[in-house]
PDB file of N, CA and C in Angstrom:
ATOM      1  N   UNK A   1      15.002 -14.886  19.978  1.00  0.00           N
ATOM      2  CA  UNK A   1      15.235 -14.477  18.604  1.00  0.00           C
ATOM      3  C   UNK A   1      14.010 -13.740  18.082  1.00  0.00           C
ATOM      4  N   UNK A   2      14.224 -12.584  17.548  1.00  0.00           N
ATOM      5  CA  UNK A   2      13.141 -11.813  16.970  1.00  0.00           C
ATOM      6  C   UNK A   2      12.993 -12.107  15.492  1.00  0.00           C
ATOM      7  N   UNK A   3      11.811 -11.862  15.013  1.00  0.00           N
ATOM      8  CA  UNK A   3      11.602 -12.081  13.579  1.00  0.00           C
ATOM      9  C   UNK A   3      11.935 -10.806  12.817  1.00  0.00           C
ATOM     10  N   UNK A   4      12.407 -11.004  11.615  1.00  0.00           N
ATOM     11  CA  UNK A   4      12.716  -9.840  10.789  1.00  0.00           C
ATOM     12  C   UNK A   4      11.565  -9.597   9.840  1.00  0.00           C
ATOM     13  N   UNK A   5      11.274  -8.381   9.618  1.00  0.00           N
ATOM     14  CA  UNK A   5      10.172  -8.004   8.760  1.00  0.00           C
ATOM     15  C   UNK A   5      10.726  -7.449   7.464  1.00  0.00           C
ATOM     16  N   UNK A   6      10.235  -7.983   6.342  1.00  0.00           N
ATOM     17  CA  UNK A   6      10.695  -7.509   5.044  1.00  0.00           C
ATOM     18  C   UNK A   6      10.038  -6.175   4.728  1.00  0.00           C
ATOM     19  N   UNK A   7      10.792  -5.299   4.098  1.00  0.00           N
ATOM     20  CA  UNK A   7      10.275  -3.993   3.699  1.00  0.00           C
ATOM     21  C   UNK A   7      10.219  -3.947   2.175  1.00  0.00           C
ATOM     22  N   UNK A   8       9.133  -3.406   1.649  1.00  0.00           N
ATOM     23  CA  UNK A   8       8.943  -3.306   0.209  1.00  0.00           C
ATOM     24  C   UNK A   8       8.781  -1.838  -0.168  1.00  0.00           C
ATOM     25  N   UNK A   9       9.353  -1.479  -1.306  1.00  0.00           N
ATOM     26  CA  UNK A   9       9.219  -0.100  -1.769  1.00  0.00           C
ATOM     27  C   UNK A   9       7.806   0.121  -2.293  1.00  0.00           C
ATOM     28  N   UNK A  10       7.418   1.368  -2.370  1.00  0.00           N
ATOM     29  CA  UNK A  10       6.093   1.703  -2.903  1.00  0.00           C
ATOM     30  C   UNK A  10       5.967   1.282  -4.370  1.00  0.00           C
ATOM     31  N   UNK A  11       7.063   1.387  -5.118  1.00  0.00           N
ATOM     32  CA  UNK A  11       7.048   0.982  -6.527  1.00  0.00           C
ATOM     33  C   UNK A  11       6.795  -0.513  -6.654  1.00  0.00           C
ATOM     34  N   UNK A  12       7.425  -1.295  -5.782  1.00  0.00           N
ATOM     35  CA  UNK A  12       7.246  -2.747  -5.789  1.00  0.00           C
ATOM     36  C   UNK A  12       5.789  -3.095  -5.482  1.00  0.00           C
ATOM     37  N   UNK A  13       5.232  -2.446  -4.459  1.00  0.00           N
ATOM     38  CA  UNK A  13       3.842  -2.692  -4.089  1.00  0.00           C
ATOM     39  C   UNK A  13       2.907  -2.315  -5.232  1.00  0.00           C
ATOM     40  N   UNK A  14       3.176  -1.166  -5.865  1.00  0.00           N
ATOM     41  CA  UNK A  14       2.319  -0.701  -6.962  1.00  0.00           C
ATOM     42  C   UNK A  14       2.352  -1.659  -8.140  1.00  0.00           C
ATOM     43  N   UNK A  15       3.512  -2.186  -8.467  1.00  0.00           N
ATOM     44  CA  UNK A  15       3.588  -3.108  -9.600  1.00  0.00           C
ATOM     45  C   UNK A  15       2.890  -4.422  -9.268  1.00  0.00           C
ATOM     46  N   UNK A  16       2.991  -4.882  -8.030  1.00  0.00           N
ATOM     47  CA  UNK A  16       2.296  -6.103  -7.623  1.00  0.00           C
ATOM     48  C   UNK A  16       0.780  -5.897  -7.674  1.00  0.00           C
ATOM     49  N   UNK A  17       0.322  -4.760  -7.196  1.00  0.00           N
ATOM     50  CA  UNK A  17      -1.108  -4.446  -7.218  1.00  0.00           C
ATOM     51  C   UNK A  17      -1.601  -4.334  -8.654  1.00  0.00           C
ATOM     52  N   UNK A  18      -0.773  -3.781  -9.528  1.00  0.00           N
ATOM     53  CA  UNK A  18      -1.146  -3.635 -10.940  1.00  0.00           C
ATOM     54  C   UNK A  18      -1.402  -4.988 -11.591  1.00  0.00           C
ATOM     55  N   UNK A  19      -0.617  -6.007 -11.230  1.00  0.00           N
ATOM     56  CA  UNK A  19      -0.845  -7.352 -11.757  1.00  0.00           C
ATOM     57  C   UNK A  19      -2.258  -7.830 -11.425  1.00  0.00           C
ATOM     58  N   UNK A  20      -2.714  -7.509 -10.227  1.00  0.00           N
ATOM     59  CA  UNK A  20      -4.035  -7.962  -9.793  1.00  0.00           C
ATOM     60  C   UNK A  20      -5.134  -7.123 -10.425  1.00  0.00           C
ATOM     61  N   UNK A  21      -5.002  -5.807 -10.348  1.00  0.00           N
ATOM     62  CA  UNK A  21      -6.080  -4.932 -10.786  1.00  0.00           C
ATOM     63  C   UNK A  21      -6.164  -4.839 -12.308  1.00  0.00           C
ATOM     64  N   UNK A  22      -5.057  -4.558 -12.973  1.00  0.00           N
ATOM     65  CA  UNK A  22      -5.094  -4.324 -14.420  1.00  0.00           C
ATOM     66  C   UNK A  22      -5.019  -5.597 -15.248  1.00  0.00           C
ATOM     67  N   UNK A  23      -4.274  -6.595 -14.779  1.00  0.00           N
ATOM     68  CA  UNK A  23      -4.109  -7.810 -15.561  1.00  0.00           C
ATOM     69  C   UNK A  23      -5.155  -8.862 -15.238  1.00  0.00           C
ATOM     70  N   UNK A  24      -5.933  -8.645 -14.196  1.00  0.00           N
ATOM     71  CA  UNK A  24      -7.000  -9.573 -13.861  1.00  0.00           C
ATOM     72  C   UNK A  24      -6.518 -10.878 -13.240  1.00  0.00           C
ATOM     73  N   UNK A  25      -5.287 -10.914 -12.751  1.00  0.00           N
ATOM     74  CA  UNK A  25      -4.775 -12.127 -12.106  1.00  0.00           C
ATOM     75  C   UNK A  25      -5.260 -12.182 -10.660  1.00  0.00           C
ATOM     76  N   UNK A  26      -5.328 -13.362 -10.097  1.00  0.00           N
ATOM     77  CA  UNK A  26      -5.804 -13.499  -8.727  1.00  0.00           C
ATOM     78  C   UNK A  26      -4.720 -13.066  -7.739  1.00  0.00           C
ATOM     79  N   UNK A  27      -5.163 -12.652  -6.570  1.00  0.00           N
ATOM     80  CA  UNK A  27      -4.232 -12.244  -5.523  1.00  0.00           C
ATOM     81  C   UNK A  27      -3.331 -13.423  -5.156  1.00  0.00           C
ATOM     82  N   UNK A  28      -3.910 -14.611  -5.057  1.00  0.00           N
ATOM     83  CA  UNK A  28      -3.134 -15.793  -4.680  1.00  0.00           C
ATOM     84  C   UNK A  28      -2.054 -16.096  -5.715  1.00  0.00           C
ATOM     85  N   UNK A  29      -2.407 -16.001  -6.996  1.00  0.00           N
ATOM     86  CA  UNK A  29      -1.457 -16.291  -8.070  1.00  0.00           C
ATOM     87  C   UNK A  29      -0.295 -15.306  -8.050  1.00  0.00           C
ATOM     88  N   UNK A  30      -0.611 -14.034  -7.945  1.00  0.00           N
ATOM     89  CA  UNK A  30       0.443 -13.008  -7.937  1.00  0.00           C
ATOM     90  C   UNK A  30       1.299 -13.139  -6.684  1.00  0.00           C
ATOM     91  N   UNK A  31       0.667 -13.364  -5.541  1.00  0.00           N
ATOM     92  CA  UNK A  31       1.412 -13.494  -4.289  1.00  0.00           C
ATOM     93  C   UNK A  31       2.395 -14.657  -4.370  1.00  0.00           C
ATOM     94  N   UNK A  32       1.943 -15.774  -4.919  1.00  0.00           N
ATOM     95  CA  UNK A  32       2.825 -16.934  -5.072  1.00  0.00           C
ATOM     96  C   UNK A  32       4.000 -16.618  -5.996  1.00  0.00           C
ATOM     97  N   UNK A  33       3.701 -15.930  -7.095  1.00  0.00           N
ATOM     98  CA  UNK A  33       4.754 -15.679  -8.084  1.00  0.00           C
ATOM     99  C   UNK A  33       5.797 -14.667  -7.609  1.00  0.00           C
ATOM    100  N   UNK A  34       5.426 -13.745  -6.737  1.00  0.00           N
ATOM    101  CA  UNK A  34       6.400 -12.748  -6.274  1.00  0.00           C
ATOM    102  C   UNK A  34       6.949 -13.066  -4.883  1.00  0.00           C
ATOM    103  N   UNK A  35       6.447 -14.131  -4.248  1.00  0.00           N
ATOM    104  CA  UNK A  35       6.976 -14.531  -2.954  1.00  0.00           C
ATOM    105  C   UNK A  35       6.523 -13.677  -1.786  1.00  0.00           C
ATOM    106  N   UNK A  36       5.282 -13.228  -1.850  1.00  0.00           N
ATOM    107  CA  UNK A  36       4.703 -12.415  -0.779  1.00  0.00           C
ATOM    108  C   UNK A  36       3.499 -13.177  -0.236  1.00  0.00           C
ATOM    109  N   UNK A  37       3.231 -13.035   1.045  1.00  0.00           N
ATOM    110  CA  UNK A  37       2.078 -13.698   1.626  1.00  0.00           C
ATOM    111  C   UNK A  37       0.800 -13.132   0.994  1.00  0.00           C
ATOM    112  N   UNK A  38      -0.160 -14.021   0.793  1.00  0.00           N
ATOM    113  CA  UNK A  38      -1.410 -13.638   0.135  1.00  0.00           C
ATOM    114  C   UNK A  38      -2.144 -12.520   0.877  1.00  0.00           C
ATOM    115  N   UNK A  39      -2.148 -12.576   2.201  1.00  0.00           N
ATOM    116  CA  UNK A  39      -2.840 -11.536   2.973  1.00  0.00           C
ATOM    117  C   UNK A  39      -2.153 -10.184   2.819  1.00  0.00           C
ATOM    118  N   UNK A  40      -0.840 -10.190   2.725  1.00  0.00           N
ATOM    119  CA  UNK A  40      -0.101  -8.940   2.551  1.00  0.00           C
ATOM    120  C   UNK A  40      -0.481  -8.283   1.234  1.00  0.00           C
ATOM    121  N   UNK A  41      -0.446  -9.059   0.151  1.00  0.00           N
ATOM    122  CA  UNK A  41      -0.813  -8.515  -1.150  1.00  0.00           C
ATOM    123  C   UNK A  41      -2.275  -8.094  -1.157  1.00  0.00           C
ATOM    124  N   UNK A  42      -3.131  -8.852  -0.506  1.00  0.00           N
ATOM    125  CA  UNK A  42      -4.548  -8.497  -0.422  1.00  0.00           C
ATOM    126  C   UNK A  42      -4.761  -7.140   0.222  1.00  0.00           C
ATOM    127  N   UNK A  43      -3.965  -6.853   1.262  1.00  0.00           N
ATOM    128  CA  UNK A  43      -4.048  -5.548   1.931  1.00  0.00           C
ATOM    129  C   UNK A  43      -3.602  -4.432   0.990  1.00  0.00           C
ATOM    130  N   UNK A  44      -2.531  -4.701   0.223  1.00  0.00           N
ATOM    131  CA  UNK A  44      -2.050  -3.699  -0.734  1.00  0.00           C
ATOM    132  C   UNK A  44      -3.114  -3.413  -1.790  1.00  0.00           C
ATOM    133  N   UNK A  45      -3.762  -4.462  -2.271  1.00  0.00           N
ATOM    134  CA  UNK A  45      -4.792  -4.306  -3.309  1.00  0.00           C
ATOM    135  C   UNK A  45      -5.980  -3.533  -2.745  1.00  0.00           C
ATOM    136  N   UNK A  46      -6.411  -3.890  -1.527  1.00  0.00           N
ATOM    137  CA  UNK A  46      -7.544  -3.195  -0.909  1.00  0.00           C
ATOM    138  C   UNK A  46      -7.236  -1.713  -0.728  1.00  0.00           C
ATOM    139  N   UNK A  47      -6.027  -1.420  -0.278  1.00  0.00           N
ATOM    140  CA  UNK A  47      -5.618  -0.025  -0.081  1.00  0.00           C
ATOM    141  C   UNK A  47      -5.645   0.730  -1.411  1.00  0.00           C
ATOM    142  N   UNK A  48      -5.157   0.099  -2.468  1.00  0.00           N
ATOM    143  CA  UNK A  48      -5.147   0.747  -3.787  1.00  0.00           C
ATOM    144  C   UNK A  48      -6.563   0.960  -4.308  1.00  0.00           C
ATOM    145  N   UNK A  49      -7.418  -0.029  -4.115  1.00  0.00           N
ATOM    146  CA  UNK A  49      -8.817   0.110  -4.583  1.00  0.00           C
ATOM    147  C   UNK A  49      -9.548   1.178  -3.793  1.00  0.00           C
ATOM    148  N   UNK A  50      -9.295   1.245  -2.490  1.00  0.00           N
ATOM    149  CA  UNK A  50      -9.916   2.290  -1.672  1.00  0.00           C
ATOM    150  C   UNK A  50      -9.456   3.664  -2.123  1.00  0.00           C
ATOM    151  N   UNK A  51      -8.180   3.783  -2.490  1.00  0.00           N
ATOM    152  CA  UNK A  51      -7.650   5.060  -2.965  1.00  0.00           C
ATOM    153  C   UNK A  51      -8.254   5.441  -4.308  1.00  0.00           C
ATOM    154  N   UNK A  52      -8.584   4.443  -5.124  1.00  0.00           N
ATOM    155  CA  UNK A  52      -9.160   4.710  -6.450  1.00  0.00           C
ATOM    156  C   UNK A  52     -10.630   5.095  -6.376  1.00  0.00           C
ATOM    157  N   UNK A  53     -11.306   4.773  -5.270  1.00  0.00           N
ATOM    158  CA  UNK A  53     -12.738   5.045  -5.174  1.00  0.00           C
ATOM    159  C   UNK A  53     -13.057   6.513  -5.404  1.00  0.00           C
ATOM    160  N   UNK A  54     -12.171   7.391  -4.998  1.00  0.00           N
ATOM    161  CA  UNK A  54     -12.401   8.817  -5.192  1.00  0.00           C
ATOM    162  C   UNK A  54     -12.134   9.261  -6.622  1.00  0.00           C
ATOM    163  N   UNK A  55     -11.384   8.478  -7.368  1.00  0.00           N
ATOM    164  CA  UNK A  55     -11.032   8.830  -8.737  1.00  0.00           C
ATOM    165  C   UNK A  55     -11.915   8.063  -9.721  1.00  0.00           C
ATOM    166  N   UNK A  56     -12.378   8.736 -10.758  1.00  0.00           N
ATOM    167  CA  UNK A  56     -13.155   8.007 -11.758  1.00  0.00           C
ATOM    168  C   UNK A  56     -12.249   7.053 -12.533  1.00  0.00           C
ATOM    169  N   UNK A  57     -12.737   5.851 -12.761  1.00  0.00           N
ATOM    170  CA  UNK A  57     -11.975   4.863 -13.507  1.00  0.00           C
ATOM    171  C   UNK A  57     -12.230   5.078 -14.991  1.00  0.00           C
ATOM    172  N   UNK A  58     -11.168   5.326 -15.722  1.00  0.00           N
ATOM    173  CA  UNK A  58     -11.282   5.591 -17.152  1.00  0.00           C
ATOM    174  C   UNK A  58     -10.929   4.318 -17.910  1.00  0.00           C
ATOM    175  N   UNK A  59     -11.849   3.831 -18.738  1.00  0.00           N
ATOM    176  CA  UNK A  59     -11.514   2.632 -19.517  1.00  0.00           C
ATOM    177  C   UNK A  59     -10.454   2.940 -20.560  1.00  0.00           C
ATOM    178  N   UNK A  60      -9.747   1.907 -20.970  1.00  0.00           N
ATOM    179  CA  UNK A  60      -8.697   2.075 -21.970  1.00  0.00           C
ATOM    180  C   UNK A  60      -9.310   2.344 -23.340  1.00  0.00           C
ATOM    181  N   UNK A  61      -8.684   3.253 -24.092  1.00  0.00           N
ATOM    182  CA  UNK A  61      -9.150   3.467 -25.460  1.00  0.00           C
ATOM    183  C   UNK A  61      -8.509   2.416 -26.366  1.00  0.00           C
ATOM    184  N   UNK A  62      -8.813   2.447 -27.645  1.00  0.00           N
ATOM    185  CA  UNK A  62      -8.335   1.420 -28.581  1.00  0.00           C
ATOM    186  C   UNK A  62      -6.806   1.375 -28.653  1.00  0.00           C
ATOM    187  N   UNK A  63      -6.166   2.541 -28.710  1.00  0.00           N
ATOM    188  CA  UNK A  63      -4.702   2.577 -28.788  1.00  0.00           C
ATOM    189  C   UNK A  63      -4.064   1.997 -27.525  1.00  0.00           C
ATOM    190  N   UNK A  64      -4.605   2.373 -26.373  1.00  0.00           N
ATOM    191  CA  UNK A  64      -4.065   1.859 -25.118  1.00  0.00           C
ATOM    192  C   UNK A  64      -4.290   0.356 -25.004  1.00  0.00           C
ATOM    193  N   UNK A  65      -5.463  -0.103 -25.418  1.00  0.00           N
ATOM    194  CA  UNK A  65      -5.771  -1.533 -25.377  1.00  0.00           C
ATOM    195  C   UNK A  65      -4.812  -2.312 -26.290  1.00  0.00           C
ATOM    196  N   UNK A  66      -4.565  -1.774 -27.504  1.00  0.00           N
ATOM    197  CA  UNK A  66      -3.656  -2.435 -28.446  1.00  0.00           C
ATOM    198  C   UNK A  66      -2.235  -2.489 -27.875  1.00  0.00           C
ATOM    199  N   UNK A  67      -1.798  -1.390 -27.250  1.00  0.00           N
ATOM    200  CA  UNK A  67      -0.467  -1.369 -26.661  1.00  0.00           C
ATOM    201  C   UNK A  67      -0.378  -2.359 -25.496  1.00  0.00           C
ATOM    202  N   UNK A  68      -1.432  -2.430 -24.692  1.00  0.00           N
ATOM    203  CA  UNK A  68      -1.451  -3.370 -23.579  1.00  0.00           C
ATOM    204  C   UNK A  68      -1.331  -4.801 -24.085  1.00  0.00           C
ATOM    205  N   UNK A  69      -2.063  -5.142 -25.116  1.00  0.00           N
ATOM    206  CA  UNK A  69      -1.985  -6.485 -25.690  1.00  0.00           C
ATOM    207  C   UNK A  69      -0.594  -6.764 -26.264  1.00  0.00           C
ATOM    208  N   UNK A  70      -0.014  -5.764 -26.924  1.00  0.00           N
ATOM    209  CA  UNK A  70       1.330  -5.922 -27.488  1.00  0.00           C
ATOM    210  C   UNK A  70       2.352  -6.140 -26.376  1.00  0.00           C
ATOM    211  N   UNK A  71       2.238  -5.368 -25.309  1.00  0.00           N
ATOM    212  CA  UNK A  71       3.172  -5.495 -24.186  1.00  0.00           C
ATOM    213  C   UNK A  71       3.010  -6.829 -23.469  1.00  0.00           C
ATOM    214  N   UNK A  72       1.771  -7.293 -23.321  1.00  0.00           N
ATOM    215  CA  UNK A  72       1.544  -8.597 -22.701  1.00  0.00           C
ATOM    216  C   UNK A  72       2.177  -9.705 -23.540  1.00  0.00           C
ATOM    217  N   UNK A  73       2.002  -9.595 -24.848  1.00  0.00           N
ATOM    218  CA  UNK A  73       2.581 -10.585 -25.755  1.00  0.00           C
ATOM    219  C   UNK A  73       4.107 -10.563 -25.671  1.00  0.00           C
ATOM    220  N   UNK A  74       4.667  -9.372 -25.681  1.00  0.00           N
ATOM    221  CA  UNK A  74       6.120  -9.231 -25.580  1.00  0.00           C
ATOM    222  C   UNK A  74       6.622  -9.767 -24.237  1.00  0.00           C
ATOM    223  N   UNK A  75       5.865  -9.509 -23.186  1.00  0.00           N
ATOM    224  CA  UNK A  75       6.229  -9.988 -21.861  1.00  0.00           C
ATOM    225  C   UNK A  75       6.250 -11.518 -21.819  1.00  0.00           C
ATOM    226  N   UNK A  76       5.247 -12.162 -22.413  1.00  0.00           N
ATOM    227  CA  UNK A  76       5.218 -13.625 -22.472  1.00  0.00           C
ATOM    228  C   UNK A  76       6.440 -14.158 -23.221  1.00  0.00           C
ATOM    229  N   UNK A  77       6.765 -13.526 -24.355  1.00  0.00           N
ATOM    230  CA  UNK A  77       7.905 -13.961 -25.162  1.00  0.00           C
ATOM    231  C   UNK A  77       9.202 -13.810 -24.374  1.00  0.00           C
ATOM    232  N   UNK A  78       9.370 -12.684 -23.707  1.00  0.00           N
ATOM    233  CA  UNK A  78      10.590 -12.445 -22.940  1.00  0.00           C
ATOM    234  C   UNK A  78      10.718 -13.411 -21.762  1.00  0.00           C
ATOM    235  N   UNK A  79       9.610 -13.749 -21.132  1.00  0.00           N
ATOM    236  CA  UNK A  79       9.650 -14.724 -20.045  1.00  0.00           C
ATOM    237  C   UNK A  79      10.092 -16.084 -20.567  1.00  0.00           C
ATOM    238  N   UNK A  80       9.576 -16.473 -21.732  1.00  0.00           N
ATOM    239  CA  UNK A  80       9.974 -17.745 -22.329  1.00  0.00           C
ATOM    240  C   UNK A  80      11.460 -17.727 -22.669  1.00  0.00           C
ATOM    241  N   UNK A  81      11.948 -16.630 -23.227  1.00  0.00           N
ATOM    242  CA  UNK A  81      13.369 -16.530 -23.566  1.00  0.00           C
ATOM    243  C   UNK A  81      14.244 -16.595 -22.312  1.00  0.00           C
ATOM    244  N   UNK A  82      13.816 -15.938 -21.255  1.00  0.00           N
ATOM    245  CA  UNK A  82      14.585 -15.959 -20.008  1.00  0.00           C
ATOM    246  C   UNK A  82      14.605 -17.370 -19.422  1.00  0.00           C
ATOM    247  N   UNK A  83      13.482 -18.054 -19.473  1.00  0.00           N
ATOM    248  CA  UNK A  83      13.421 -19.429 -18.967  1.00  0.00           C
ATOM    249  C   UNK A  83      14.332 -20.340 -19.786  1.00  0.00           C
ATOM    250  N   UNK A  84      14.321 -20.156 -21.089  1.00  0.00           N
ATOM    251  CA  UNK A  84      15.190 -20.944 -21.966  1.00  0.00           C
ATOM    252  C   UNK A  84      16.661 -20.674 -21.647  1.00  0.00           C
ATOM    253  N   UNK A  85      17.000 -19.402 -21.454  1.00  0.00           N
ATOM    254  CA  UNK A  85      18.386 -19.036 -21.140  1.00  0.00           C
ATOM    255  C   UNK A  85      18.826 -19.675 -19.826  1.00  0.00           C
ATOM    256  N   UNK A  86      17.936 -19.740 -18.830  1.00  0.00           N
ATOM    257  CA  UNK A  86      18.261 -20.382 -17.558  1.00  0.00           C
ATOM    258  C   UNK A  86      18.548 -21.863 -17.767  1.00  0.00           C
ATOM    259  N   UNK A  87      17.716 -22.507 -18.582  1.00  0.00           N
ATOM    260  CA  UNK A  87      17.909 -23.934 -18.825  1.00  0.00           C
ATOM    261  C   UNK A  87      19.218 -24.199 -19.561  1.00  0.00           C
ATOM    262  N   UNK A  88      19.530 -23.353 -20.529  1.00  0.00           N
ATOM    263  CA  UNK A  88      20.781 -23.512 -21.274  1.00  0.00           C
ATOM    264  C   UNK A  88      21.974 -23.294 -20.345  1.00  0.00           C
ATOM    265  N   UNK A  89      21.918 -22.293 -19.516  1.00  0.00           N
ATOM    266  CA  UNK A  89      23.004 -22.017 -18.574  1.00  0.00           C
ATOM    267  C   UNK A  89      23.183 -23.186 -17.608  1.00  0.00           C
ATOM    268  N   UNK A  90      22.076 -23.738 -17.125  1.00  0.00           N
ATOM    269  CA  UNK A  90      22.167 -24.890 -16.223  1.00  0.00           C
ATOM    270  C   UNK A  90      22.760 -26.086 -16.938  1.00  0.00           C
ATOM    271  N   UNK A  91      22.380 -26.278 -18.181  1.00  0.00           N
ATOM    272  CA  UNK A  91      22.913 -27.398 -18.967  1.00  0.00           C
ATOM    273  C   UNK A  91      24.415 -27.253 -19.158  1.00  0.00           C
ATOM    274  N   UNK A  92      24.859 -26.031 -19.534  1.00  0.00           N
ATOM    275  CA  UNK A  92      26.285 -25.802 -19.717  1.00  0.00           C
ATOM    276  C   UNK A  92      27.048 -25.959 -18.409  1.00  0.00           C
ATOM    277  N   UNK A  93      26.472 -25.480 -17.321  1.00  0.00           N
ATOM    278  CA  UNK A  93      27.129 -25.598 -16.022  1.00  0.00           C
ATOM    279  C   UNK A  93      27.265 -27.063 -15.629  1.00  0.00           C
ATOM    280  N   UNK A  94      26.241 -27.861 -15.886  1.00  0.00           N
ATOM    281  CA  UNK A  94      26.271 -29.275 -15.560  1.00  0.00           C
ATOM    282  C   UNK A  94      27.294 -30.000 -16.451  1.00  0.00           C
ATOM    283  N   UNK A  95      27.362 -29.585 -17.711  1.00  0.00           N
ATOM    284  CA  UNK A  95      28.263 -30.193 -18.675  1.00  0.00           C
ATOM    285  C   UNK A  95      29.727 -29.886 -18.350  1.00  0.00           C
ATOM    286  N   UNK A  96      29.991 -28.747 -17.736  1.00  0.00           N
ATOM    287  CA  UNK A  96      31.359 -28.317 -17.403  1.00  0.00           C
ATOM    288  C   UNK A  96      31.953 -29.161 -16.287  1.00  0.00           C
ATOM    289  N   UNK A  97      31.118 -29.731 -15.446  1.00  0.00           N
ATOM    290  CA  UNK A  97      31.606 -30.468 -14.265  1.00  0.00           C
ATOM    291  C   UNK A  97      32.048 -31.835 -14.604  1.00  0.00           C
TER     292      UNK A  97
END
């Protein structure tokens, strides 16, 4: 029996790397949350950082920083709402039986 290898799109890899680089989360934390091996995500992050070495890193201006904070806040709220909806759905499903 051969092992199957999962394939990830470039967009998926970029968004995972963004969690580590821009949001300041650890590779282990992000890898656990998205279901990818830590070494795999580490390689993606290293590749992205190596690619950025040639480009100057521009810090966020005030407007971008404010938008980032607003989006992070909205993201937290939406995650809480989604978690609540899952619990309610599970409760209703259990109640139906």
